[in-house]
Amino acid sequence: MKDYLEQLKADRDKIDQQIKMEEDRITAEKRSAVVNKIDALTDEEKENILSHMSHSCTSCSDEYPCNGYSAYSRTYRCSKCMMIEILNGEHGGKFDFELDVSIIEV
């Protein structure tokens, strides 16, 4: 009975390792796709995207994009600062982005 339990635990450990390897492979594939997406953008396209965004904090600006990703809090404070970091390739494909439009009646 004990040998069978040990075998099951060994099998579980092997399966857990295989799962981890597959998750890592998928993550690497996704990051590579993000890097390729960013690399395919021209500087003009990047500037165009950023020109339609606003900083959401008063402490940052295009010249001082200080509210991007924080490893401490594991998030960002300003979408534009974070987008600047992403488009500069600072996170190695860890973060992808989607563009959205807000419709505002004037």
PDB file of N, CA and C in Angstrom:
ATOM      1  N   MET A   1       0.823  -1.199   0.000  1.00  0.00           N
ATOM      2  CA  MET A   1       0.000   0.000   0.000  1.00  0.00           C
ATOM      3  C   MET A   1       0.866   1.263   0.000  1.00  0.00           C
ATOM      4  N   LYS A   2       1.910   1.266   0.839  1.00  0.00           N
ATOM      5  CA  LYS A   2       2.774   2.433   0.919  1.00  0.00           C
ATOM      6  C   LYS A   2       3.556   2.640  -0.384  1.00  0.00           C
ATOM      7  N   ASP A   3       3.992   1.538  -1.004  1.00  0.00           N
ATOM      8  CA  ASP A   3       4.704   1.640  -2.281  1.00  0.00           C
ATOM      9  C   ASP A   3       3.811   2.251  -3.356  1.00  0.00           C
ATOM     10  N   TYR A   4       2.556   1.872  -3.360  1.00  0.00           N
ATOM     11  CA  TYR A   4       1.607   2.398  -4.335  1.00  0.00           C
ATOM     12  C   TYR A   4       1.422   3.895  -4.127  1.00  0.00           C
ATOM     13  N   LEU A   5       1.308   4.327  -2.869  1.00  0.00           N
ATOM     14  CA  LEU A   5       1.156   5.745  -2.552  1.00  0.00           C
ATOM     15  C   LEU A   5       2.389   6.523  -3.002  1.00  0.00           C
ATOM     16  N   GLU A   6       3.558   5.987  -2.759  1.00  0.00           N
ATOM     17  CA  GLU A   6       4.799   6.647  -3.180  1.00  0.00           C
ATOM     18  C   GLU A   6       4.868   6.758  -4.702  1.00  0.00           C
ATOM     19  N   GLN A   7       4.422   5.718  -5.393  1.00  0.00           N
ATOM     20  CA  GLN A   7       4.408   5.742  -6.853  1.00  0.00           C
ATOM     21  C   GLN A   7       3.453   6.815  -7.368  1.00  0.00           C
ATOM     22  N   LEU A   8       2.297   6.917  -6.739  1.00  0.00           N
ATOM     23  CA  LEU A   8       1.331   7.955  -7.131  1.00  0.00           C
ATOM     24  C   LEU A   8       1.918   9.349  -6.918  1.00  0.00           C
ATOM     25  N   LYS A   9       2.601   9.549  -5.794  1.00  0.00           N
ATOM     26  CA  LYS A   9       3.224  10.843  -5.522  1.00  0.00           C
ATOM     27  C   LYS A   9       4.316  11.149  -6.546  1.00  0.00           C
ATOM     28  N   ALA A  10       5.086  10.144  -6.908  1.00  0.00           N
ATOM     29  CA  ALA A  10       6.129  10.340  -7.913  1.00  0.00           C
ATOM     30  C   ALA A  10       5.505  10.679  -9.258  1.00  0.00           C
ATOM     31  N   ASP A  11       4.421   9.982  -9.597  1.00  0.00           N
ATOM     32  CA  ASP A  11       3.711  10.273 -10.847  1.00  0.00           C
ATOM     33  C   ASP A  11       3.163  11.701 -10.831  1.00  0.00           C
ATOM     34  N   ARG A  12       2.615  12.103  -9.699  1.00  0.00           N
ATOM     35  CA  ARG A  12       2.068  13.464  -9.575  1.00  0.00           C
ATOM     36  C   ARG A  12       3.168  14.500  -9.757  1.00  0.00           C
ATOM     37  N   ASP A  13       4.338  14.259  -9.135  1.00  0.00           N
ATOM     38  CA  ASP A  13       5.453  15.190  -9.272  1.00  0.00           C
ATOM     39  C   ASP A  13       5.894  15.305 -10.736  1.00  0.00           C
ATOM     40  N   LYS A  14       5.933  14.173 -11.424  1.00  0.00           N
ATOM     41  CA  LYS A  14       6.316  14.181 -12.836  1.00  0.00           C
ATOM     42  C   LYS A  14       5.292  14.948 -13.671  1.00  0.00           C
ATOM     43  N   ILE A  15       4.011  14.736 -13.408  1.00  0.00           N
ATOM     44  CA  ILE A  15       2.950  15.442 -14.129  1.00  0.00           C
ATOM     45  C   ILE A  15       3.011  16.937 -13.824  1.00  0.00           C
ATOM     46  N   ASP A  16       3.246  17.292 -12.559  1.00  0.00           N
ATOM     47  CA  ASP A  16       3.368  18.710 -12.190  1.00  0.00           C
ATOM     48  C   ASP A  16       4.519  19.373 -12.944  1.00  0.00           C
ATOM     49  N   GLN A  17       5.626  18.657 -13.101  1.00  0.00           N
ATOM     50  CA  GLN A  17       6.763  19.188 -13.852  1.00  0.00           C
ATOM     51  C   GLN A  17       6.409  19.376 -15.326  1.00  0.00           C
ATOM     52  N   GLN A  18       5.693  18.416 -15.873  1.00  0.00           N
ATOM     53  CA  GLN A  18       5.276  18.521 -17.274  1.00  0.00           C
ATOM     54  C   GLN A  18       4.313  19.691 -17.468  1.00  0.00           C
ATOM     55  N   ILE A  19       3.404  19.868 -16.522  1.00  0.00           N
ATOM     56  CA  ILE A  19       2.467  20.995 -16.596  1.00  0.00           C
ATOM     57  C   ILE A  19       3.234  22.305 -16.549  1.00  0.00           C
ATOM     58  N   LYS A  20       4.185  22.421 -15.634  1.00  0.00           N
ATOM     59  CA  LYS A  20       4.974  23.645 -15.495  1.00  0.00           C
ATOM     60  C   LYS A  20       5.755  23.930 -16.781  1.00  0.00           C
ATOM     61  N   MET A  21       6.340  22.897 -17.358  1.00  0.00           N
ATOM     62  CA  MET A  21       7.086  23.083 -18.604  1.00  0.00           C
ATOM     63  C   MET A  21       6.179  23.565 -19.730  1.00  0.00           C
ATOM     64  N   GLU A  22       4.981  23.015 -19.820  1.00  0.00           N
ATOM     65  CA  GLU A  22       4.046  23.423 -20.873  1.00  0.00           C
ATOM     66  C   GLU A  22       3.548  24.848 -20.632  1.00  0.00           C
ATOM     67  N   GLU A  23       3.264  25.185 -19.380  1.00  0.00           N
ATOM     68  CA  GLU A  23       2.850  26.563 -19.062  1.00  0.00           C
ATOM     69  C   GLU A  23       3.960  27.548 -19.418  1.00  0.00           C
ATOM     70  N   ASP A  24       5.204  27.198 -19.105  1.00  0.00           N
ATOM     71  CA  ASP A  24       6.332  28.064 -19.441  1.00  0.00           C
ATOM     72  C   ASP A  24       6.486  28.212 -20.957  1.00  0.00           C
ATOM     73  N   ARG A  25       6.279  27.129 -21.694  1.00  0.00           N
ATOM     74  CA  ARG A  25       6.378  27.179 -23.156  1.00  0.00           C
ATOM     75  C   ARG A  25       5.306  28.097 -23.738  1.00  0.00           C
ATOM     76  N   ILE A  26       4.082  27.967 -23.233  1.00  0.00           N
ATOM     77  CA  ILE A  26       2.978  28.795 -23.711  1.00  0.00           C
ATOM     78  C   ILE A  26       3.231  30.265 -23.380  1.00  0.00           C
ATOM     79  N   THR A  27       3.698  30.536 -22.178  1.00  0.00           N
ATOM     80  CA  THR A  27       4.002  31.909 -21.777  1.00  0.00           C
ATOM     81  C   THR A  27       5.092  32.497 -22.665  1.00  0.00           C
ATOM     82  N   ALA A  28       6.135  31.735 -22.923  1.00  0.00           N
ATOM     83  CA  ALA A  28       7.222  32.214 -23.791  1.00  0.00           C
ATOM     84  C   ALA A  28       6.705  32.499 -25.197  1.00  0.00           C
ATOM     85  N   GLU A  29       5.819  31.657 -25.691  1.00  0.00           N
ATOM     86  CA  GLU A  29       5.231  31.856 -27.014  1.00  0.00           C
ATOM     87  C   GLU A  29       4.404  33.143 -27.053  1.00  0.00           C
ATOM     88  N   LYS A  30       3.602  33.368 -26.018  1.00  0.00           N
ATOM     89  CA  LYS A  30       2.785  34.582 -25.949  1.00  0.00           C
ATOM     90  C   LYS A  30       3.660  35.831 -25.852  1.00  0.00           C
ATOM     91  N   ARG A  31       4.702  35.774 -25.033  1.00  0.00           N
ATOM     92  CA  ARG A  31       5.602  36.924 -24.899  1.00  0.00           C
ATOM     93  C   ARG A  31       6.303  37.230 -26.217  1.00  0.00           C
ATOM     94  N   SER A  32       6.689  36.188 -26.908  1.00  0.00           N
ATOM     95  CA  SER A  32       7.331  36.367 -28.206  1.00  0.00           C
ATOM     96  C   SER A  32       6.390  37.052 -29.190  1.00  0.00           C
ATOM     97  N   ALA A  33       5.121  36.672 -29.161  1.00  0.00           N
ATOM     98  CA  ALA A  33       4.130  37.297 -30.049  1.00  0.00           C
ATOM     99  C   ALA A  33       3.976  38.780 -29.716  1.00  0.00           C
ATOM    100  N   VAL A  34       3.996  39.124 -28.438  1.00  0.00           N
ATOM    101  CA  VAL A  34       3.886  40.532 -28.032  1.00  0.00           C
ATOM    102  C   VAL A  34       5.111  41.311 -28.504  1.00  0.00           C
ATOM    103  N   VAL A  35       6.284  40.746 -28.297  1.00  0.00           N
ATOM    104  CA  VAL A  35       7.515  41.417 -28.743  1.00  0.00           C
ATOM    105  C   VAL A  35       7.478  41.630 -30.254  1.00  0.00           C
ATOM    106  N   ASN A  36       7.042  40.625 -30.996  1.00  0.00           N
ATOM    107  CA  ASN A  36       6.944  40.762 -32.452  1.00  0.00           C
ATOM    108  C   ASN A  36       5.937  41.839 -32.840  1.00  0.00           C
ATOM    109  N   LYS A  37       4.818  41.915 -32.117  1.00  0.00           N
ATOM    110  CA  LYS A  37       3.804  42.939 -32.382  1.00  0.00           C
ATOM    111  C   LYS A  37       4.387  44.334 -32.179  1.00  0.00           C
ATOM    112  N   ILE A  38       5.120  44.509 -31.093  1.00  0.00           N
ATOM    113  CA  ILE A  38       5.722  45.819 -30.795  1.00  0.00           C
ATOM    114  C   ILE A  38       6.807  46.148 -31.816  1.00  0.00           C
ATOM    115  N   ASP A  39       7.638  45.155 -32.144  1.00  0.00           N
ATOM    116  CA  ASP A  39       8.713  45.377 -33.124  1.00  0.00           C
ATOM    117  C   ASP A  39       8.175  45.728 -34.505  1.00  0.00           C
ATOM    118  N   ALA A  40       6.973  45.250 -34.816  1.00  0.00           N
ATOM    119  CA  ALA A  40       6.382  45.521 -36.128  1.00  0.00           C
ATOM    120  C   ALA A  40       5.864  46.956 -36.244  1.00  0.00           C
ATOM    121  N   LEU A  41       5.683  47.623 -35.118  1.00  0.00           N
ATOM    122  CA  LEU A  41       5.207  49.003 -35.144  1.00  0.00           C
ATOM    123  C   LEU A  41       6.351  49.942 -35.493  1.00  0.00           C
ATOM    124  N   THR A  42       6.090  50.883 -36.362  1.00  0.00           N
ATOM    125  CA  THR A  42       7.093  51.897 -36.666  1.00  0.00           C
ATOM    126  C   THR A  42       7.103  52.933 -35.542  1.00  0.00           C
ATOM    127  N   ASP A  43       8.164  53.726 -35.487  1.00  0.00           N
ATOM    128  CA  ASP A  43       8.221  54.799 -34.497  1.00  0.00           C
ATOM    129  C   ASP A  43       7.053  55.763 -34.681  1.00  0.00           C
ATOM    130  N   GLU A  44       6.696  55.999 -35.926  1.00  0.00           N
ATOM    131  CA  GLU A  44       5.568  56.893 -36.219  1.00  0.00           C
ATOM    132  C   GLU A  44       4.257  56.316 -35.669  1.00  0.00           C
ATOM    133  N   GLU A  45       4.057  55.020 -35.830  1.00  0.00           N
ATOM    134  CA  GLU A  45       2.844  54.385 -35.311  1.00  0.00           C
ATOM    135  C   GLU A  45       2.816  54.439 -33.777  1.00  0.00           C
ATOM    136  N   LYS A  46       3.963  54.212 -33.168  1.00  0.00           N
ATOM    137  CA  LYS A  46       4.036  54.288 -31.703  1.00  0.00           C
ATOM    138  C   LYS A  46       3.696  55.700 -31.224  1.00  0.00           C
ATOM    139  N   GLU A  47       4.268  56.691 -31.872  1.00  0.00           N
ATOM    140  CA  GLU A  47       3.979  58.084 -31.512  1.00  0.00           C
ATOM    141  C   GLU A  47       2.508  58.414 -31.724  1.00  0.00           C
ATOM    142  N   ASN A  48       1.931  57.900 -32.781  1.00  0.00           N
ATOM    143  CA  ASN A  48       0.515  58.135 -33.058  1.00  0.00           C
ATOM    144  C   ASN A  48      -0.354  57.544 -31.943  1.00  0.00           C
ATOM    145  N   ILE A  49      -0.046  56.327 -31.537  1.00  0.00           N
ATOM    146  CA  ILE A  49      -0.800  55.712 -30.437  1.00  0.00           C
ATOM    147  C   ILE A  49      -0.688  56.566 -29.191  1.00  0.00           C
ATOM    148  N   LEU A  50       0.527  56.936 -28.833  1.00  0.00           N
ATOM    149  CA  LEU A  50       0.742  57.709 -27.609  1.00  0.00           C
ATOM    150  C   LEU A  50       0.120  59.096 -27.682  1.00  0.00           C
ATOM    151  N   SER A  51       0.060  59.660 -28.872  1.00  0.00           N
ATOM    152  CA  SER A  51      -0.495  61.012 -29.008  1.00  0.00           C
ATOM    153  C   SER A  51      -1.986  61.061 -28.692  1.00  0.00           C
ATOM    154  N   HIS A  52      -2.650  59.934 -28.760  1.00  0.00           N
ATOM    155  CA  HIS A  52      -4.083  59.881 -28.459  1.00  0.00           C
ATOM    156  C   HIS A  52      -4.367  59.439 -27.028  1.00  0.00           C
ATOM    157  N   MET A  53      -3.335  59.372 -26.223  1.00  0.00           N
ATOM    158  CA  MET A  53      -3.504  58.980 -24.825  1.00  0.00           C
ATOM    159  C   MET A  53      -3.168  60.160 -23.930  1.00  0.00           C
ATOM    160  N   SER A  54      -3.745  60.149 -22.747  1.00  0.00           N
ATOM    161  CA  SER A  54      -3.453  61.180 -21.750  1.00  0.00           C
ATOM    162  C   SER A  54      -2.913  60.519 -20.492  1.00  0.00           C
ATOM    163  N   HIS A  55      -2.078  61.253 -19.779  1.00  0.00           N
ATOM    164  CA  HIS A  55      -1.585  60.764 -18.491  1.00  0.00           C
ATOM    165  C   HIS A  55      -2.724  60.872 -17.473  1.00  0.00           C
ATOM    166  N   SER A  56      -2.838  59.862 -16.643  1.00  0.00           N
ATOM    167  CA  SER A  56      -3.916  59.843 -15.651  1.00  0.00           C
ATOM    168  C   SER A  56      -3.467  60.340 -14.279  1.00  0.00           C
ATOM    169  N   CYS A  57      -2.215  60.734 -14.162  1.00  0.00           N
ATOM    170  CA  CYS A  57      -1.698  61.291 -12.903  1.00  0.00           C
ATOM    171  C   CYS A  57      -1.100  62.663 -13.192  1.00  0.00           C
ATOM    172  N   THR A  58      -1.155  63.528 -12.236  1.00  0.00           N
ATOM    173  CA  THR A  58      -0.581  64.865 -12.427  1.00  0.00           C
ATOM    174  C   THR A  58       0.926  64.872 -12.217  1.00  0.00           C
ATOM    175  N   SER A  59       1.479  63.822 -11.629  1.00  0.00           N
ATOM    176  CA  SER A  59       2.911  63.783 -11.342  1.00  0.00           C
ATOM    177  C   SER A  59       3.759  63.296 -12.513  1.00  0.00           C
ATOM    178  N   CYS A  60       3.124  62.869 -13.617  1.00  0.00           N
ATOM    179  CA  CYS A  60       3.892  62.348 -14.746  1.00  0.00           C
ATOM    180  C   CYS A  60       3.608  63.155 -16.005  1.00  0.00           C
ATOM    181  N   SER A  61       4.479  62.949 -16.981  1.00  0.00           N
ATOM    182  CA  SER A  61       4.340  63.619 -18.280  1.00  0.00           C
ATOM    183  C   SER A  61       5.101  62.792 -19.310  1.00  0.00           C
ATOM    184  N   ASP A  62       5.024  63.202 -20.576  1.00  0.00           N
ATOM    185  CA  ASP A  62       5.775  62.505 -21.616  1.00  0.00           C
ATOM    186  C   ASP A  62       7.280  62.600 -21.352  1.00  0.00           C
ATOM    187  N   GLU A  63       7.709  63.722 -20.773  1.00  0.00           N
ATOM    188  CA  GLU A  63       9.121  63.915 -20.472  1.00  0.00           C
ATOM    189  C   GLU A  63       9.535  63.191 -19.192  1.00  0.00           C
ATOM    190  N   TYR A  64       8.578  62.924 -18.323  1.00  0.00           N
ATOM    191  CA  TYR A  64       8.849  62.261 -17.041  1.00  0.00           C
ATOM    192  C   TYR A  64       7.787  61.180 -16.795  1.00  0.00           C
ATOM    193  N   PRO A  65       7.849  60.082 -17.546  1.00  0.00           N
ATOM    194  CA  PRO A  65       6.848  59.010 -17.412  1.00  0.00           C
ATOM    195  C   PRO A  65       7.153  58.105 -16.212  1.00  0.00           C
ATOM    196  N   CYS A  66       6.869  58.626 -15.023  1.00  0.00           N
ATOM    197  CA  CYS A  66       7.314  57.973 -13.785  1.00  0.00           C
ATOM    198  C   CYS A  66       6.280  57.049 -13.138  1.00  0.00           C
ATOM    199  N   ASN A  67       5.122  56.900 -13.737  1.00  0.00           N
ATOM    200  CA  ASN A  67       4.074  56.095 -13.097  1.00  0.00           C
ATOM    201  C   ASN A  67       3.728  54.837 -13.877  1.00  0.00           C
ATOM    202  N   GLY A  68       4.756  54.242 -14.473  1.00  0.00           N
ATOM    203  CA  GLY A  68       4.573  52.976 -15.171  1.00  0.00           C
ATOM    204  C   GLY A  68       4.550  51.825 -14.179  1.00  0.00           C
ATOM    205  N   TYR A  69       5.052  50.690 -14.594  1.00  0.00           N
ATOM    206  CA  TYR A  69       4.977  49.474 -13.785  1.00  0.00           C
ATOM    207  C   TYR A  69       5.802  49.593 -12.512  1.00  0.00           C
ATOM    208  N   SER A  70       5.217  49.140 -11.412  1.00  0.00           N
ATOM    209  CA  SER A  70       5.910  49.080 -10.129  1.00  0.00           C
ATOM    210  C   SER A  70       6.026  47.616  -9.726  1.00  0.00           C
ATOM    211  N   ALA A  71       7.250  47.122  -9.610  1.00  0.00           N
ATOM    212  CA  ALA A  71       7.453  45.732  -9.188  1.00  0.00           C
ATOM    213  C   ALA A  71       6.953  45.540  -7.757  1.00  0.00           C
ATOM    214  N   TYR A  72       7.017  46.593  -6.969  1.00  0.00           N
ATOM    215  CA  TYR A  72       6.567  46.513  -5.579  1.00  0.00           C
ATOM    216  C   TYR A  72       5.066  46.246  -5.498  1.00  0.00           C
ATOM    217  N   SER A  73       4.272  47.045  -6.229  1.00  0.00           N
ATOM    218  CA  SER A  73       2.817  46.886  -6.168  1.00  0.00           C
ATOM    219  C   SER A  73       2.283  45.958  -7.257  1.00  0.00           C
ATOM    220  N   ARG A  74       3.154  45.579  -8.191  1.00  0.00           N
ATOM    221  CA  ARG A  74       2.813  44.681  -9.302  1.00  0.00           C
ATOM    222  C   ARG A  74       1.683  45.229 -10.181  1.00  0.00           C
ATOM    223  N   THR A  75       1.677  46.531 -10.354  1.00  0.00           N
ATOM    224  CA  THR A  75       0.696  47.198 -11.211  1.00  0.00           C
ATOM    225  C   THR A  75       1.291  48.524 -11.680  1.00  0.00           C
ATOM    226  N   TYR A  76       0.492  49.329 -12.335  1.00  0.00           N
ATOM    227  CA  TYR A  76       0.937  50.642 -12.785  1.00  0.00           C
ATOM    228  C   TYR A  76      -0.092  51.681 -12.354  1.00  0.00           C
ATOM    229  N   ARG A  77       0.332  52.950 -12.302  1.00  0.00           N
ATOM    230  CA  ARG A  77      -0.582  54.020 -11.904  1.00  0.00           C
ATOM    231  C   ARG A  77      -1.134  54.773 -13.106  1.00  0.00           C
ATOM    232  N   CYS A  78      -0.382  54.844 -14.166  1.00  0.00           N
ATOM    233  CA  CYS A  78      -0.796  55.632 -15.333  1.00  0.00           C
ATOM    234  C   CYS A  78      -0.698  54.777 -16.596  1.00  0.00           C
ATOM    235  N   SER A  79      -1.806  54.698 -17.332  1.00  0.00           N
ATOM    236  CA  SER A  79      -1.829  53.884 -18.549  1.00  0.00           C
ATOM    237  C   SER A  79      -0.841  54.382 -19.594  1.00  0.00           C
ATOM    238  N   LYS A  80      -0.711  55.690 -19.730  1.00  0.00           N
ATOM    239  CA  LYS A  80       0.194  56.213 -20.750  1.00  0.00           C
ATOM    240  C   LYS A  80       1.646  55.942 -20.377  1.00  0.00           C
ATOM    241  N   CYS A  81       1.989  56.111 -19.113  1.00  0.00           N
ATOM    242  CA  CYS A  81       3.358  55.793 -18.681  1.00  0.00           C
ATOM    243  C   CYS A  81       3.667  54.324 -18.936  1.00  0.00           C
ATOM    244  N   MET A  82       2.707  53.465 -18.626  1.00  0.00           N
ATOM    245  CA  MET A  82       2.894  52.034 -18.847  1.00  0.00           C
ATOM    246  C   MET A  82       3.015  51.735 -20.332  1.00  0.00           C
ATOM    247  N   MET A  83       2.208  52.394 -21.144  1.00  0.00           N
ATOM    248  CA  MET A  83       2.267  52.178 -22.589  1.00  0.00           C
ATOM    249  C   MET A  83       3.611  52.629 -23.142  1.00  0.00           C
ATOM    250  N   ILE A  84       4.146  53.710 -22.630  1.00  0.00           N
ATOM    251  CA  ILE A  84       5.474  54.169 -23.052  1.00  0.00           C
ATOM    252  C   ILE A  84       6.499  53.079 -22.761  1.00  0.00           C
ATOM    253  N   GLU A  85       6.429  52.499 -21.570  1.00  0.00           N
ATOM    254  CA  GLU A  85       7.352  51.416 -21.208  1.00  0.00           C
ATOM    255  C   GLU A  85       7.188  50.218 -22.140  1.00  0.00           C
ATOM    256  N   ILE A  86       5.944  49.832 -22.388  1.00  0.00           N
ATOM    257  CA  ILE A  86       5.680  48.673 -23.249  1.00  0.00           C
ATOM    258  C   ILE A  86       6.226  48.921 -24.650  1.00  0.00           C
ATOM    259  N   LEU A  87       5.934  50.084 -25.218  1.00  0.00           N
ATOM    260  CA  LEU A  87       6.374  50.382 -26.582  1.00  0.00           C
ATOM    261  C   LEU A  87       7.892  50.544 -26.671  1.00  0.00           C
ATOM    262  N   ASN A  88       8.529  50.853 -25.550  1.00  0.00           N
ATOM    263  CA  ASN A  88       9.985  50.918 -25.514  1.00  0.00           C
ATOM    264  C   ASN A  88      10.598  49.531 -25.310  1.00  0.00           C
ATOM    265  N   GLY A  89       9.763  48.520 -25.170  1.00  0.00           N
ATOM    266  CA  GLY A  89      10.247  47.148 -25.013  1.00  0.00           C
ATOM    267  C   GLY A  89      10.809  46.838 -23.649  1.00  0.00           C
ATOM    268  N   GLU A  90      10.402  47.591 -22.639  1.00  0.00           N
ATOM    269  CA  GLU A  90      11.003  47.461 -21.309  1.00  0.00           C
ATOM    270  C   GLU A  90      10.607  46.192 -20.557  1.00  0.00           C
ATOM    271  N   HIS A  91       9.551  45.526 -20.954  1.00  0.00           N
ATOM    272  CA  HIS A  91       9.080  44.380 -20.174  1.00  0.00           C
ATOM    273  C   HIS A  91       9.186  43.052 -20.919  1.00  0.00           C
ATOM    274  N   GLY A  92       9.870  43.053 -22.033  1.00  0.00           N
ATOM    275  CA  GLY A  92      10.137  41.816 -22.748  1.00  0.00           C
ATOM    276  C   GLY A  92       8.910  41.008 -23.123  1.00  0.00           C
ATOM    277  N   GLY A  93       7.824  41.683 -23.438  1.00  0.00           N
ATOM    278  CA  GLY A  93       6.615  40.986 -23.856  1.00  0.00           C
ATOM    279  C   GLY A  93       5.742  40.507 -22.721  1.00  0.00           C
ATOM    280  N   LYS A  94       6.075  40.864 -21.496  1.00  0.00           N
ATOM    281  CA  LYS A  94       5.277  40.416 -20.340  1.00  0.00           C
ATOM    282  C   LYS A  94       3.876  41.020 -20.361  1.00  0.00           C
ATOM    283  N   PHE A  95       3.760  42.218 -20.922  1.00  0.00           N
ATOM    284  CA  PHE A  95       2.474  42.909 -20.967  1.00  0.00           C
ATOM    285  C   PHE A  95       2.070  43.184 -22.406  1.00  0.00           C
ATOM    286  N   ASP A  96       0.870  42.774 -22.749  1.00  0.00           N
ATOM    287  CA  ASP A  96       0.303  43.068 -24.058  1.00  0.00           C
ATOM    288  C   ASP A  96      -0.639  44.251 -23.888  1.00  0.00           C
ATOM    289  N   PHE A  97      -1.161  44.760 -24.971  1.00  0.00           N
ATOM    290  CA  PHE A  97      -2.090  45.873 -24.887  1.00  0.00           C
ATOM    291  C   PHE A  97      -3.146  45.755 -25.965  1.00  0.00           C
ATOM    292  N   GLU A  98      -4.266  46.349 -25.694  1.00  0.00           N
ATOM    293  CA  GLU A  98      -5.349  46.490 -26.665  1.00  0.00           C
ATOM    294  C   GLU A  98      -5.728  47.952 -26.680  1.00  0.00           C
ATOM    295  N   LEU A  99      -6.079  48.440 -27.834  1.00  0.00           N
ATOM    296  CA  LEU A  99      -6.511  49.828 -27.949  1.00  0.00           C
ATOM    297  C   LEU A  99      -8.027  49.866 -27.897  1.00  0.00           C
ATOM    298  N   ASP A 100      -8.544  50.835 -27.182  1.00  0.00           N
ATOM    299  CA  ASP A 100      -9.977  50.984 -27.002  1.00  0.00           C
ATOM    300  C   ASP A 100     -10.326  52.456 -27.242  1.00  0.00           C
ATOM    301  N   VAL A 101     -11.534  52.706 -27.593  1.00  0.00           N
ATOM    302  CA  VAL A 101     -11.980  54.064 -27.861  1.00  0.00           C
ATOM    303  C   VAL A 101     -13.089  54.425 -26.885  1.00  0.00           C
ATOM    304  N   SER A 102     -12.974  55.605 -26.325  1.00  0.00           N
ATOM    305  CA  SER A 102     -14.040  56.130 -25.480  1.00  0.00           C
ATOM    306  C   SER A 102     -14.814  57.162 -26.304  1.00  0.00           C
ATOM    307  N   ILE A 103     -16.097  57.006 -26.360  1.00  0.00           N
ATOM    308  CA  ILE A 103     -16.948  57.937 -27.105  1.00  0.00           C
ATOM    309  C   ILE A 103     -17.551  58.904 -26.100  1.00  0.00           C
ATOM    310  N   ILE A 104     -17.325  60.199 -26.360  1.00  0.00           N
ATOM    311  CA  ILE A 104     -17.770  61.232 -25.441  1.00  0.00           C
ATOM    312  C   ILE A 104     -18.626  62.236 -26.186  1.00  0.00           C
ATOM    313  N   GLU A 105     -19.797  62.475 -25.677  1.00  0.00           N
ATOM    314  CA  GLU A 105     -20.658  63.497 -26.291  1.00  0.00           C
ATOM    315  C   GLU A 105     -20.167  64.864 -25.870  1.00  0.00           C
ATOM    316  N   VAL A 106     -20.079  65.788 -26.840  1.00  0.00           N
ATOM    317  CA  VAL A 106     -19.624  67.143 -26.524  1.00  0.00           C
ATOM    318  C   VAL A 106     -20.765  68.111 -26.563  1.00  0.00           C
TER     319      VAL A 106
END
